[in-house]
Amino acid sequence: MLYPASSRALPALPTGLAALGAEVTQVEAYRTEAATAERSVWRDCIGRGEVAAVTFTSPSAVEELERALGQEDFERLLDEASALALGATTGQALAARGHACVLAEPATLAGLAATTLQLLKTRT
């Protein structure tokens, strides 16, 4: 079985498949790299309370946003905005930083969009 994965992919899926008898070949299909963030723009948005929700699709997205914003602004953001995670592993990355989140239902991009919309509807 060919398993194209991120450069930061966790071993859970290939390990589980191998335990079931599959021969798994994992290849790096893409690499998550840091983006530059205009901190002053984000700091202003966070300070004005303009962000209602932040969606995360992977643990590396949590790590990179925290790195890009800096610890203090990342904490301020998630103290004010709702955090939504695509799946349990991403939710664990947020929990490890002391932040609760809403998990997408179902754990798909469409599910994340629908869950985010429902959450935002309840905030108005």
PDB file of N, CA and C in Angstrom:
ATOM      1  N   MET A   1       0.847  -1.165   0.000  1.00  0.00           N
ATOM      2  CA  MET A   1       0.000   0.000   0.000  1.00  0.00           C
ATOM      3  C   MET A   1       0.894   1.230   0.000  1.00  0.00           C
ATOM      4  N   LEU A   2       0.594   2.177  -0.862  1.00  0.00           N
ATOM      5  CA  LEU A   2       1.316   3.435  -0.911  1.00  0.00           C
ATOM      6  C   LEU A   2       0.612   4.442  -0.009  1.00  0.00           C
ATOM      7  N   TYR A   3       1.360   5.055   0.884  1.00  0.00           N
ATOM      8  CA  TYR A   3       0.818   6.033   1.817  1.00  0.00           C
ATOM      9  C   TYR A   3       1.527   7.369   1.617  1.00  0.00           C
ATOM     10  N   PRO A   4       0.990   8.250   0.728  1.00  0.00           N
ATOM     11  CA  PRO A   4       1.577   9.583   0.574  1.00  0.00           C
ATOM     12  C   PRO A   4       1.211  10.414   1.803  1.00  0.00           C
ATOM     13  N   ALA A   5       2.203  11.021   2.430  1.00  0.00           N
ATOM     14  CA  ALA A   5       1.952  11.699   3.703  1.00  0.00           C
ATOM     15  C   ALA A   5       2.765  12.987   3.800  1.00  0.00           C
ATOM     16  N   SER A   6       2.432  13.759   4.792  1.00  0.00           N
ATOM     17  CA  SER A   6       3.154  14.980   5.117  1.00  0.00           C
ATOM     18  C   SER A   6       4.534  14.638   5.667  1.00  0.00           C
ATOM     19  N   SER A   7       5.430  15.589   5.580  1.00  0.00           N
ATOM     20  CA  SER A   7       6.747  15.411   6.178  1.00  0.00           C
ATOM     21  C   SER A   7       6.651  15.285   7.696  1.00  0.00           C
ATOM     22  N   ARG A   8       5.537  15.720   8.260  1.00  0.00           N
ATOM     23  CA  ARG A   8       5.322  15.667   9.710  1.00  0.00           C
ATOM     24  C   ARG A   8       4.280  14.626  10.114  1.00  0.00           C
ATOM     25  N   ALA A   9       3.936  13.730   9.211  1.00  0.00           N
ATOM     26  CA  ALA A   9       2.880  12.749   9.490  1.00  0.00           C
ATOM     27  C   ALA A   9       3.208  11.894  10.706  1.00  0.00           C
ATOM     28  N   LEU A  10       2.211  11.674  11.516  1.00  0.00           N
ATOM     29  CA  LEU A  10       2.353  10.783  12.658  1.00  0.00           C
ATOM     30  C   LEU A  10       2.306   9.336  12.167  1.00  0.00           C
ATOM     31  N   PRO A  11       2.906   8.412  12.888  1.00  0.00           N
ATOM     32  CA  PRO A  11       2.994   7.027  12.418  1.00  0.00           C
ATOM     33  C   PRO A  11       1.746   6.179  12.662  1.00  0.00           C
ATOM     34  N   ALA A  12       0.698   6.725  13.217  1.00  0.00           N
ATOM     35  CA  ALA A  12      -0.462   5.923  13.616  1.00  0.00           C
ATOM     36  C   ALA A  12      -1.080   5.140  12.456  1.00  0.00           C
ATOM     37  N   LEU A  13      -1.323   5.778  11.338  1.00  0.00           N
ATOM     38  CA  LEU A  13      -1.989   5.092  10.229  1.00  0.00           C
ATOM     39  C   LEU A  13      -1.131   3.979   9.632  1.00  0.00           C
ATOM     40  N   PRO A  14       0.121   4.239   9.228  1.00  0.00           N
ATOM     41  CA  PRO A  14       0.918   3.144   8.665  1.00  0.00           C
ATOM     42  C   PRO A  14       1.187   2.029   9.677  1.00  0.00           C
ATOM     43  N   THR A  15       1.347   2.378  10.941  1.00  0.00           N
ATOM     44  CA  THR A  15       1.561   1.369  11.977  1.00  0.00           C
ATOM     45  C   THR A  15       0.322   0.492  12.130  1.00  0.00           C
ATOM     46  N   GLY A  16      -0.838   1.117  12.146  1.00  0.00           N
ATOM     47  CA  GLY A  16      -2.097   0.373  12.261  1.00  0.00           C
ATOM     48  C   GLY A  16      -2.336  -0.529  11.062  1.00  0.00           C
ATOM     49  N   LEU A  17      -2.063  -0.020   9.879  1.00  0.00           N
ATOM     50  CA  LEU A  17      -2.236  -0.829   8.670  1.00  0.00           C
ATOM     51  C   LEU A  17      -1.263  -2.012   8.658  1.00  0.00           C
ATOM     52  N   ALA A  18      -0.019  -1.761   9.069  1.00  0.00           N
ATOM     53  CA  ALA A  18       0.971  -2.841   9.125  1.00  0.00           C
ATOM     54  C   ALA A  18       0.553  -3.909  10.140  1.00  0.00           C
ATOM     55  N   ALA A  19      -0.027  -3.481  11.252  1.00  0.00           N
ATOM     56  CA  ALA A  19      -0.501  -4.434  12.263  1.00  0.00           C
ATOM     57  C   ALA A  19      -1.620  -5.313  11.726  1.00  0.00           C
ATOM     58  N   LEU A  20      -2.344  -4.802  10.733  1.00  0.00           N
ATOM     59  CA  LEU A  20      -3.420  -5.578  10.109  1.00  0.00           C
ATOM     60  C   LEU A  20      -2.903  -6.424   8.947  1.00  0.00           C
ATOM     61  N   GLY A  21      -1.598  -6.366   8.692  1.00  0.00           N
ATOM     62  CA  GLY A  21      -1.005  -7.201   7.661  1.00  0.00           C
ATOM     63  C   GLY A  21      -0.654  -6.505   6.369  1.00  0.00           C
ATOM     64  N   ALA A  22      -0.884  -5.213   6.285  1.00  0.00           N
ATOM     65  CA  ALA A  22      -0.567  -4.488   5.049  1.00  0.00           C
ATOM     66  C   ALA A  22       0.927  -4.188   4.989  1.00  0.00           C
ATOM     67  N   GLU A  23       1.459  -4.211   3.790  1.00  0.00           N
ATOM     68  CA  GLU A  23       2.824  -3.749   3.569  1.00  0.00           C
ATOM     69  C   GLU A  23       2.699  -2.295   3.126  1.00  0.00           C
ATOM     70  N   VAL A  24       3.204  -1.392   3.947  1.00  0.00           N
ATOM     71  CA  VAL A  24       2.990   0.040   3.739  1.00  0.00           C
ATOM     72  C   VAL A  24       4.300   0.712   3.328  1.00  0.00           C
ATOM     73  N   THR A  25       4.232   1.443   2.231  1.00  0.00           N
ATOM     74  CA  THR A  25       5.352   2.273   1.802  1.00  0.00           C
ATOM     75  C   THR A  25       4.922   3.720   1.952  1.00  0.00           C
ATOM     76  N   GLN A  26       5.563   4.410   2.894  1.00  0.00           N
ATOM     77  CA  GLN A  26       5.227   5.808   3.142  1.00  0.00           C
ATOM     78  C   GLN A  26       6.194   6.699   2.367  1.00  0.00           C
ATOM     79  N   VAL A  27       5.648   7.663   1.643  1.00  0.00           N
ATOM     80  CA  VAL A  27       6.462   8.633   0.918  1.00  0.00           C
ATOM     81  C   VAL A  27       6.038  10.038   1.328  1.00  0.00           C
ATOM     82  N   GLU A  28       6.998  10.929   1.335  1.00  0.00           N
ATOM     83  CA  GLU A  28       6.692  12.323   1.647  1.00  0.00           C
ATOM     84  C   GLU A  28       6.061  12.972   0.428  1.00  0.00           C
ATOM     85  N   ALA A  29       4.777  13.293   0.543  1.00  0.00           N
ATOM     86  CA  ALA A  29       4.044  13.877  -0.571  1.00  0.00           C
ATOM     87  C   ALA A  29       4.017  15.404  -0.510  1.00  0.00           C
ATOM     88  N   TYR A  30       4.131  15.923   0.691  1.00  0.00           N
ATOM     89  CA  TYR A  30       4.160  17.376   0.834  1.00  0.00           C
ATOM     90  C   TYR A  30       4.840  17.727   2.150  1.00  0.00           C
ATOM     91  N   ARG A  31       5.253  18.972   2.222  1.00  0.00           N
ATOM     92  CA  ARG A  31       5.995  19.445   3.382  1.00  0.00           C
ATOM     93  C   ARG A  31       5.285  20.680   3.935  1.00  0.00           C
ATOM     94  N   THR A  32       5.038  20.664   5.225  1.00  0.00           N
ATOM     95  CA  THR A  32       4.465  21.828   5.882  1.00  0.00           C
ATOM     96  C   THR A  32       5.606  22.764   6.228  1.00  0.00           C
ATOM     97  N   GLU A  33       5.515  23.983   5.727  1.00  0.00           N
ATOM     98  CA  GLU A  33       6.567  24.954   5.989  1.00  0.00           C
ATOM     99  C   GLU A  33       5.952  26.198   6.603  1.00  0.00           C
ATOM    100  N   ALA A  34       6.775  26.876   7.356  1.00  0.00           N
ATOM    101  CA  ALA A  34       6.314  28.068   8.048  1.00  0.00           C
ATOM    102  C   ALA A  34       5.951  29.162   7.058  1.00  0.00           C
ATOM    103  N   ALA A  35       4.860  29.823   7.337  1.00  0.00           N
ATOM    104  CA  ALA A  35       4.455  30.988   6.556  1.00  0.00           C
ATOM    105  C   ALA A  35       4.839  32.237   7.340  1.00  0.00           C
ATOM    106  N   THR A  36       5.035  33.295   6.634  1.00  0.00           N
ATOM    107  CA  THR A  36       5.304  34.543   7.328  1.00  0.00           C
ATOM    108  C   THR A  36       3.969  35.172   7.697  1.00  0.00           C
ATOM    109  N   ALA A  37       3.927  35.763   8.845  1.00  0.00           N
ATOM    110  CA  ALA A  37       2.708  36.420   9.297  1.00  0.00           C
ATOM    111  C   ALA A  37       3.018  37.880   9.583  1.00  0.00           C
ATOM    112  N   GLU A  38       2.139  38.728   9.156  1.00  0.00           N
ATOM    113  CA  GLU A  38       2.280  40.150   9.448  1.00  0.00           C
ATOM    114  C   GLU A  38       1.745  40.347  10.867  1.00  0.00           C
ATOM    115  N   ARG A  39       2.633  40.192  11.833  1.00  0.00           N
ATOM    116  CA  ARG A  39       2.220  40.192  13.240  1.00  0.00           C
ATOM    117  C   ARG A  39       1.414  41.413  13.642  1.00  0.00           C
ATOM    118  N   SER A  40       1.780  42.579  13.155  1.00  0.00           N
ATOM    119  CA  SER A  40       1.073  43.786  13.578  1.00  0.00           C
ATOM    120  C   SER A  40      -0.381  43.760  13.118  1.00  0.00           C
ATOM    121  N   VAL A  41      -0.625  43.231  11.913  1.00  0.00           N
ATOM    122  CA  VAL A  41      -2.001  43.136  11.414  1.00  0.00           C
ATOM    123  C   VAL A  41      -2.806  42.166  12.282  1.00  0.00           C
ATOM    124  N   TRP A  42      -2.210  40.994  12.556  1.00  0.00           N
ATOM    125  CA  TRP A  42      -2.913  40.000  13.378  1.00  0.00           C
ATOM    126  C   TRP A  42      -3.104  40.495  14.797  1.00  0.00           C
ATOM    127  N   ARG A  43      -2.089  41.150  15.345  1.00  0.00           N
ATOM    128  CA  ARG A  43      -2.191  41.668  16.718  1.00  0.00           C
ATOM    129  C   ARG A  43      -3.353  42.655  16.813  1.00  0.00           C
ATOM    130  N   ASP A  44      -3.510  43.518  15.796  1.00  0.00           N
ATOM    131  CA  ASP A  44      -4.616  44.467  15.786  1.00  0.00           C
ATOM    132  C   ASP A  44      -5.964  43.750  15.709  1.00  0.00           C
ATOM    133  N   CYS A  45      -6.080  42.765  14.824  1.00  0.00           N
ATOM    134  CA  CYS A  45      -7.332  42.001  14.694  1.00  0.00           C
ATOM    135  C   CYS A  45      -7.687  41.290  16.000  1.00  0.00           C
ATOM    136  N   ILE A  46      -6.687  40.670  16.608  1.00  0.00           N
ATOM    137  CA  ILE A  46      -6.916  39.966  17.868  1.00  0.00           C
ATOM    138  C   ILE A  46      -7.317  40.955  18.952  1.00  0.00           C
ATOM    139  N   GLY A  47      -6.629  42.071  19.004  1.00  0.00           N
ATOM    140  CA  GLY A  47      -6.916  43.088  20.013  1.00  0.00           C
ATOM    141  C   GLY A  47      -8.307  43.676  19.894  1.00  0.00           C
ATOM    142  N   ARG A  48      -8.812  43.763  18.672  1.00  0.00           N
ATOM    143  CA  ARG A  48     -10.165  44.292  18.454  1.00  0.00           C
ATOM    144  C   ARG A  48     -11.239  43.211  18.577  1.00  0.00           C
ATOM    145  N   GLY A  49     -10.839  41.973  18.827  1.00  0.00           N
ATOM    146  CA  GLY A  49     -11.818  40.889  18.962  1.00  0.00           C
ATOM    147  C   GLY A  49     -12.504  40.543  17.658  1.00  0.00           C
ATOM    148  N   GLU A  50     -11.809  40.707  16.537  1.00  0.00           N
ATOM    149  CA  GLU A  50     -12.415  40.483  15.226  1.00  0.00           C
ATOM    150  C   GLU A  50     -12.416  39.027  14.772  1.00  0.00           C
ATOM    151  N   VAL A  51     -11.766  38.162  15.507  1.00  0.00           N
ATOM    152  CA  VAL A  51     -11.688  36.758  15.106  1.00  0.00           C
ATOM    153  C   VAL A  51     -12.638  35.953  15.982  1.00  0.00           C
ATOM    154  N   ALA A  52     -13.646  35.371  15.360  1.00  0.00           N
ATOM    155  CA  ALA A  52     -14.636  34.588  16.107  1.00  0.00           C
ATOM    156  C   ALA A  52     -14.255  33.123  16.228  1.00  0.00           C
ATOM    157  N   ALA A  53     -13.563  32.595  15.211  1.00  0.00           N
ATOM    158  CA  ALA A  53     -13.215  31.178  15.214  1.00  0.00           C
ATOM    159  C   ALA A  53     -11.910  30.967  14.462  1.00  0.00           C
ATOM    160  N   VAL A  54     -11.173  29.958  14.898  1.00  0.00           N
ATOM    161  CA  VAL A  54      -9.932  29.571  14.241  1.00  0.00           C
ATOM    162  C   VAL A  54     -10.028  28.069  13.975  1.00  0.00           C
ATOM    163  N   THR A  55      -9.832  27.680  12.724  1.00  0.00           N
ATOM    164  CA  THR A  55      -9.899  26.261  12.376  1.00  0.00           C
ATOM    165  C   THR A  55      -8.494  25.704  12.197  1.00  0.00           C
ATOM    166  N   PHE A  56      -8.306  24.486  12.667  1.00  0.00           N
ATOM    167  CA  PHE A  56      -7.021  23.801  12.573  1.00  0.00           C
ATOM    168  C   PHE A  56      -7.237  22.445  11.925  1.00  0.00           C
ATOM    169  N   THR A  57      -6.420  22.127  10.927  1.00  0.00           N
ATOM    170  CA  THR A  57      -6.569  20.853  10.225  1.00  0.00           C
ATOM    171  C   THR A  57      -5.482  19.847  10.565  1.00  0.00           C
ATOM    172  N   SER A  58      -4.494  20.257  11.347  1.00  0.00           N
ATOM    173  CA  SER A  58      -3.413  19.342  11.707  1.00  0.00           C
ATOM    174  C   SER A  58      -2.671  19.877  12.923  1.00  0.00           C
ATOM    175  N   PRO A  59      -1.982  18.992  13.641  1.00  0.00           N
ATOM    176  CA  PRO A  59      -1.150  19.480  14.747  1.00  0.00           C
ATOM    177  C   PRO A  59      -0.088  20.474  14.277  1.00  0.00           C
ATOM    178  N   SER A  60       0.436  20.276  13.082  1.00  0.00           N
ATOM    179  CA  SER A  60       1.447  21.219  12.590  1.00  0.00           C
ATOM    180  C   SER A  60       0.845  22.593  12.344  1.00  0.00           C
ATOM    181  N   ALA A  61      -0.434  22.670  12.012  1.00  0.00           N
ATOM    182  CA  ALA A  61      -1.093  23.972  11.853  1.00  0.00           C
ATOM    183  C   ALA A  61      -1.152  24.697  13.194  1.00  0.00           C
ATOM    184  N   VAL A  62      -1.408  23.948  14.257  1.00  0.00           N
ATOM    185  CA  VAL A  62      -1.408  24.532  15.607  1.00  0.00           C
ATOM    186  C   VAL A  62      -0.011  25.062  15.923  1.00  0.00           C
ATOM    187  N   GLU A  63       0.996  24.228  15.703  1.00  0.00           N
ATOM    188  CA  GLU A  63       2.384  24.606  15.986  1.00  0.00           C
ATOM    189  C   GLU A  63       2.801  25.844  15.192  1.00  0.00           C
ATOM    190  N   GLU A  64       2.484  25.852  13.914  1.00  0.00           N
ATOM    191  CA  GLU A  64       2.943  26.946  13.056  1.00  0.00           C
ATOM    192  C   GLU A  64       2.219  28.258  13.345  1.00  0.00           C
ATOM    193  N   LEU A  65       0.937  28.195  13.682  1.00  0.00           N
ATOM    194  CA  LEU A  65       0.252  29.441  14.034  1.00  0.00           C
ATOM    195  C   LEU A  65       0.815  29.995  15.337  1.00  0.00           C
ATOM    196  N   GLU A  66       1.058  29.112  16.289  1.00  0.00           N
ATOM    197  CA  GLU A  66       1.651  29.554  17.547  1.00  0.00           C
ATOM    198  C   GLU A  66       3.027  30.189  17.305  1.00  0.00           C
ATOM    199  N   ARG A  67       3.827  29.573  16.444  1.00  0.00           N
ATOM    200  CA  ARG A  67       5.153  30.102  16.133  1.00  0.00           C
ATOM    201  C   ARG A  67       5.048  31.447  15.408  1.00  0.00           C
ATOM    202  N   ALA A  68       4.142  31.530  14.436  1.00  0.00           N
ATOM    203  CA  ALA A  68       4.014  32.747  13.631  1.00  0.00           C
ATOM    204  C   ALA A  68       3.513  33.933  14.457  1.00  0.00           C
ATOM    205  N   LEU A  69       2.547  33.677  15.339  1.00  0.00           N
ATOM    206  CA  LEU A  69       1.990  34.763  16.143  1.00  0.00           C
ATOM    207  C   LEU A  69       2.825  35.086  17.367  1.00  0.00           C
ATOM    208  N   GLY A  70       3.535  34.083  17.862  1.00  0.00           N
ATOM    209  CA  GLY A  70       4.207  34.223  19.151  1.00  0.00           C
ATOM    210  C   GLY A  70       3.270  33.745  20.237  1.00  0.00           C
ATOM    211  N   GLN A  71       3.849  33.270  21.308  1.00  0.00           N
ATOM    212  CA  GLN A  71       3.080  32.659  22.399  1.00  0.00           C
ATOM    213  C   GLN A  71       1.984  33.578  22.941  1.00  0.00           C
ATOM    214  N   GLU A  72       2.339  34.822  23.209  1.00  0.00           N
ATOM    215  CA  GLU A  72       1.381  35.743  23.830  1.00  0.00           C
ATOM    216  C   GLU A  72       0.168  36.001  22.937  1.00  0.00           C
ATOM    217  N   ASP A  73       0.397  36.300  21.664  1.00  0.00           N
ATOM    218  CA  ASP A  73      -0.726  36.572  20.763  1.00  0.00           C
ATOM    219  C   ASP A  73      -1.526  35.306  20.460  1.00  0.00           C
ATOM    220  N   PHE A  74      -0.851  34.170  20.383  1.00  0.00           N
ATOM    221  CA  PHE A  74      -1.555  32.892  20.191  1.00  0.00           C
ATOM    222  C   PHE A  74      -2.508  32.648  21.361  1.00  0.00           C
ATOM    223  N   GLU A  75      -2.039  32.863  22.575  1.00  0.00           N
ATOM    224  CA  GLU A  75      -2.886  32.677  23.763  1.00  0.00           C
ATOM    225  C   GLU A  75      -4.056  33.660  23.755  1.00  0.00           C
ATOM    226  N   ARG A  76      -3.784  34.920  23.447  1.00  0.00           N
ATOM    227  CA  ARG A  76      -4.863  35.925  23.389  1.00  0.00           C
ATOM    228  C   ARG A  76      -5.907  35.533  22.358  1.00  0.00           C
ATOM    229  N   LEU A  77      -5.445  35.069  21.192  1.00  0.00           N
ATOM    230  CA  LEU A  77      -6.366  34.665  20.133  1.00  0.00           C
ATOM    231  C   LEU A  77      -7.291  33.559  20.608  1.00  0.00           C
ATOM    232  N   LEU A  78      -6.723  32.506  21.181  1.00  0.00           N
ATOM    233  CA  LEU A  78      -7.551  31.364  21.564  1.00  0.00           C
ATOM    234  C   LEU A  78      -8.304  31.574  22.874  1.00  0.00           C
ATOM    235  N   ASP A  79      -7.959  32.624  23.612  1.00  0.00           N
ATOM    236  CA  ASP A  79      -8.781  32.997  24.761  1.00  0.00           C
ATOM    237  C   ASP A  79     -10.053  33.686  24.298  1.00  0.00           C
ATOM    238  N   GLU A  80      -9.997  34.340  23.134  1.00  0.00           N
ATOM    239  CA  GLU A  80     -11.134  35.101  22.613  1.00  0.00           C
ATOM    240  C   GLU A  80     -11.959  34.345  21.570  1.00  0.00           C
ATOM    241  N   ALA A  81     -11.293  33.602  20.707  1.00  0.00           N
ATOM    242  CA  ALA A  81     -11.960  32.939  19.577  1.00  0.00           C
ATOM    243  C   ALA A  81     -12.162  31.455  19.880  1.00  0.00           C
ATOM    244  N   SER A  82     -13.168  30.879  19.263  1.00  0.00           N
ATOM    245  CA  SER A  82     -13.392  29.438  19.375  1.00  0.00           C
ATOM    246  C   SER A  82     -12.396  28.702  18.497  1.00  0.00           C
ATOM    247  N   ALA A  83     -11.850  27.620  19.018  1.00  0.00           N
ATOM    248  CA  ALA A  83     -10.932  26.781  18.250  1.00  0.00           C
ATOM    249  C   ALA A  83     -11.694  25.557  17.763  1.00  0.00           C
ATOM    250  N   LEU A  84     -11.526  25.227  16.499  1.00  0.00           N
ATOM    251  CA  LEU A  84     -12.144  24.037  15.916  1.00  0.00           C
ATOM    252  C   LEU A  84     -11.046  23.179  15.312  1.00  0.00           C
ATOM    253  N   ALA A  85     -11.158  21.878  15.500  1.00  0.00           N
ATOM    254  CA  ALA A  85     -10.140  20.953  15.014  1.00  0.00           C
ATOM    255  C   ALA A  85     -10.767  19.932  14.082  1.00  0.00           C
ATOM    256  N   LEU A  86     -10.018  19.573  13.050  1.00  0.00           N
ATOM    257  CA  LEU A  86     -10.482  18.591  12.078  1.00  0.00           C
ATOM    258  C   LEU A  86     -10.635  17.207  12.692  1.00  0.00           C
ATOM    259  N   GLY A  87      -9.757  16.858  13.618  1.00  0.00           N
ATOM    260  CA  GLY A  87      -9.811  15.532  14.218  1.00  0.00           C
ATOM    261  C   GLY A  87      -9.213  15.514  15.611  1.00  0.00           C
ATOM    262  N   ALA A  88      -9.249  14.333  16.219  1.00  0.00           N
ATOM    263  CA  ALA A  88      -8.813  14.175  17.608  1.00  0.00           C
ATOM    264  C   ALA A  88      -7.340  14.506  17.809  1.00  0.00           C
ATOM    265  N   THR A  89      -6.479  14.134  16.875  1.00  0.00           N
ATOM    266  CA  THR A  89      -5.055  14.403  17.027  1.00  0.00           C
ATOM    267  C   THR A  89      -4.793  15.900  17.057  1.00  0.00           C
ATOM    268  N   THR A  90      -5.479  16.631  16.216  1.00  0.00           N
ATOM    269  CA  THR A  90      -5.341  18.086  16.206  1.00  0.00           C
ATOM    270  C   THR A  90      -5.923  18.670  17.492  1.00  0.00           C
ATOM    271  N   GLY A  91      -7.032  18.108  17.935  1.00  0.00           N
ATOM    272  CA  GLY A  91      -7.610  18.534  19.211  1.00  0.00           C
ATOM    273  C   GLY A  91      -6.656  18.312  20.371  1.00  0.00           C
ATOM    274  N   GLN A  92      -5.915  17.222  20.337  1.00  0.00           N
ATOM    275  CA  GLN A  92      -4.929  16.935  21.383  1.00  0.00           C
ATOM    276  C   GLN A  92      -3.801  17.963  21.375  1.00  0.00           C
ATOM    277  N   ALA A  93      -3.412  18.415  20.187  1.00  0.00           N
ATOM    278  CA  ALA A  93      -2.363  19.441  20.099  1.00  0.00           C
ATOM    279  C   ALA A  93      -2.823  20.732  20.756  1.00  0.00           C
ATOM    280  N   LEU A  94      -4.084  21.066  20.603  1.00  0.00           N
ATOM    281  CA  LEU A  94      -4.633  22.248  21.263  1.00  0.00           C
ATOM    282  C   LEU A  94      -4.754  22.025  22.766  1.00  0.00           C
ATOM    283  N   ALA A  95      -5.239  20.851  23.165  1.00  0.00           N
ATOM    284  CA  ALA A  95      -5.388  20.531  24.585  1.00  0.00           C
ATOM    285  C   ALA A  95      -4.038  20.559  25.296  1.00  0.00           C
ATOM    286  N   ALA A  96      -2.993  20.119  24.624  1.00  0.00           N
ATOM    287  CA  ALA A  96      -1.655  20.131  25.213  1.00  0.00           C
ATOM    288  C   ALA A  96      -1.188  21.554  25.505  1.00  0.00           C
ATOM    289  N   ARG A  97      -1.782  22.523  24.836  1.00  0.00           N
ATOM    290  CA  ARG A  97      -1.457  23.931  25.060  1.00  0.00           C
ATOM    291  C   ARG A  97      -2.484  24.593  25.977  1.00  0.00           C
ATOM    292  N   GLY A  98      -3.396  23.788  26.512  1.00  0.00           N
ATOM    293  CA  GLY A  98      -4.378  24.302  27.462  1.00  0.00           C
ATOM    294  C   GLY A  98      -5.627  24.892  26.845  1.00  0.00           C
ATOM    295  N   HIS A  99      -5.925  24.530  25.593  1.00  0.00           N
ATOM    296  CA  HIS A  99      -7.091  25.098  24.922  1.00  0.00           C
ATOM    297  C   HIS A  99      -8.091  24.018  24.553  1.00  0.00           C
ATOM    298  N   ALA A 100      -9.333  24.253  24.901  1.00  0.00           N
ATOM    299  CA  ALA A 100     -10.407  23.365  24.490  1.00  0.00           C
ATOM    300  C   ALA A 100     -10.752  23.664  23.041  1.00  0.00           C
ATOM    301  N   CYS A 101     -11.354  22.701  22.383  1.00  0.00           N
ATOM    302  CA  CYS A 101     -11.756  22.932  20.998  1.00  0.00           C
ATOM    303  C   CYS A 101     -13.013  22.141  20.706  1.00  0.00           C
ATOM    304  N   VAL A 102     -13.619  22.484  19.601  1.00  0.00           N
ATOM    305  CA  VAL A 102     -14.756  21.757  19.068  1.00  0.00           C
ATOM    306  C   VAL A 102     -14.219  20.877  17.944  1.00  0.00           C
ATOM    307  N   LEU A 103     -14.572  19.591  17.953  1.00  0.00           N
ATOM    308  CA  LEU A 103     -14.129  18.690  16.893  1.00  0.00           C
ATOM    309  C   LEU A 103     -15.124  18.711  15.748  1.00  0.00           C
ATOM    310  N   ALA A 104     -14.604  18.714  14.537  1.00  0.00           N
ATOM    311  CA  ALA A 104     -15.453  18.678  13.343  1.00  0.00           C
ATOM    312  C   ALA A 104     -16.257  17.389  13.331  1.00  0.00           C
ATOM    313  N   GLU A 105     -17.493  17.503  12.898  1.00  0.00           N
ATOM    314  CA  GLU A 105     -18.366  16.334  12.792  1.00  0.00           C
ATOM    315  C   GLU A 105     -19.060  16.355  11.446  1.00  0.00           C
ATOM    316  N   PRO A 106     -18.723  15.451  10.544  1.00  0.00           N
ATOM    317  CA  PRO A 106     -17.687  14.424  10.639  1.00  0.00           C
ATOM    318  C   PRO A 106     -16.300  15.026  10.443  1.00  0.00           C
ATOM    319  N   ALA A 107     -15.279  14.220  10.653  1.00  0.00           N
ATOM    320  CA  ALA A 107     -13.892  14.683  10.570  1.00  0.00           C
ATOM    321  C   ALA A 107     -13.431  14.750   9.116  1.00  0.00           C
ATOM    322  N   THR A 108     -14.048  15.664   8.386  1.00  0.00           N
ATOM    323  CA  THR A 108     -13.704  15.936   6.990  1.00  0.00           C
ATOM    324  C   THR A 108     -13.642  17.453   6.832  1.00  0.00           C
ATOM    325  N   LEU A 109     -13.088  17.924   5.724  1.00  0.00           N
ATOM    326  CA  LEU A 109     -13.067  19.373   5.512  1.00  0.00           C
ATOM    327  C   LEU A 109     -14.476  19.938   5.426  1.00  0.00           C
ATOM    328  N   ALA A 110     -15.375  19.198   4.785  1.00  0.00           N
ATOM    329  CA  ALA A 110     -16.771  19.647   4.726  1.00  0.00           C
ATOM    330  C   ALA A 110     -17.373  19.664   6.130  1.00  0.00           C
ATOM    331  N   GLY A 111     -17.031  18.670   6.925  1.00  0.00           N
ATOM    332  CA  GLY A 111     -17.512  18.621   8.307  1.00  0.00           C
ATOM    333  C   GLY A 111     -16.970  19.776   9.130  1.00  0.00           C
ATOM    334  N   LEU A 112     -15.710  20.129   8.907  1.00  0.00           N
ATOM    335  CA  LEU A 112     -15.116  21.256   9.620  1.00  0.00           C
ATOM    336  C   LEU A 112     -15.822  22.555   9.242  1.00  0.00           C
ATOM    337  N   ALA A 113     -16.111  22.725   7.965  1.00  0.00           N
ATOM    338  CA  ALA A 113     -16.827  23.922   7.513  1.00  0.00           C
ATOM    339  C   ALA A 113     -18.228  23.984   8.120  1.00  0.00           C
ATOM    340  N   ALA A 114     -18.935  22.866   8.096  1.00  0.00           N
ATOM    341  CA  ALA A 114     -20.301  22.829   8.643  1.00  0.00           C
ATOM    342  C   ALA A 114     -20.304  23.057  10.149  1.00  0.00           C
ATOM    343  N   THR A 115     -19.361  22.444  10.846  1.00  0.00           N
ATOM    344  CA  THR A 115     -19.272  22.614  12.295  1.00  0.00           C
ATOM    345  C   THR A 115     -18.947  24.064  12.640  1.00  0.00           C
ATOM    346  N   THR A 116     -18.045  24.673  11.871  1.00  0.00           N
ATOM    347  CA  THR A 116     -17.693  26.077  12.095  1.00  0.00           C
ATOM    348  C   THR A 116     -18.904  26.972  11.877  1.00  0.00           C
ATOM    349  N   LEU A 117     -19.636  26.734  10.809  1.00  0.00           N
ATOM    350  CA  LEU A 117     -20.836  27.526  10.524  1.00  0.00           C
ATOM    351  C   LEU A 117     -21.852  27.406  11.658  1.00  0.00           C
ATOM    352  N   GLN A 118     -22.087  26.189  12.121  1.00  0.00           N
ATOM    353  CA  GLN A 118     -23.046  25.987  13.218  1.00  0.00           C
ATOM    354  C   GLN A 118     -22.592  26.718  14.473  1.00  0.00           C
ATOM    355  N   LEU A 119     -21.311  26.662  14.785  1.00  0.00           N
ATOM    356  CA  LEU A 119     -20.785  27.334  15.965  1.00  0.00           C
ATOM    357  C   LEU A 119     -20.965  28.840  15.835  1.00  0.00           C
ATOM    358  N   LEU A 120     -20.647  29.382  14.669  1.00  0.00           N
ATOM    359  CA  LEU A 120     -20.783  30.827  14.468  1.00  0.00           C
ATOM    360  C   LEU A 120     -22.241  31.267  14.544  1.00  0.00           C
ATOM    361  N   LYS A 121     -23.155  30.441  14.094  1.00  0.00           N
ATOM    362  CA  LYS A 121     -24.588  30.779  14.179  1.00  0.00           C
ATOM    363  C   LYS A 121     -25.042  30.890  15.624  1.00  0.00           C
ATOM    364  N   THR A 122     -24.464  30.085  16.511  1.00  0.00           N
ATOM    365  CA  THR A 122     -24.871  30.129  17.919  1.00  0.00           C
ATOM    366  C   THR A 122     -24.273  31.312  18.647  1.00  0.00           C
ATOM    367  N   ARG A 123     -23.260  31.950  18.058  1.00  0.00           N
ATOM    368  CA  ARG A 123     -22.599  33.104  18.708  1.00  0.00           C
ATOM    369  C   ARG A 123     -23.298  34.414  18.422  1.00  0.00           C
ATOM    370  N   THR A 124     -24.182  34.435  17.435  1.00  0.00           N
ATOM    371  CA  THR A 124     -24.805  35.717  17.084  1.00  0.00           C
ATOM    372  C   THR A 124     -26.104  35.929  17.804  1.00  0.00           C
TER     373      THR A 124
END
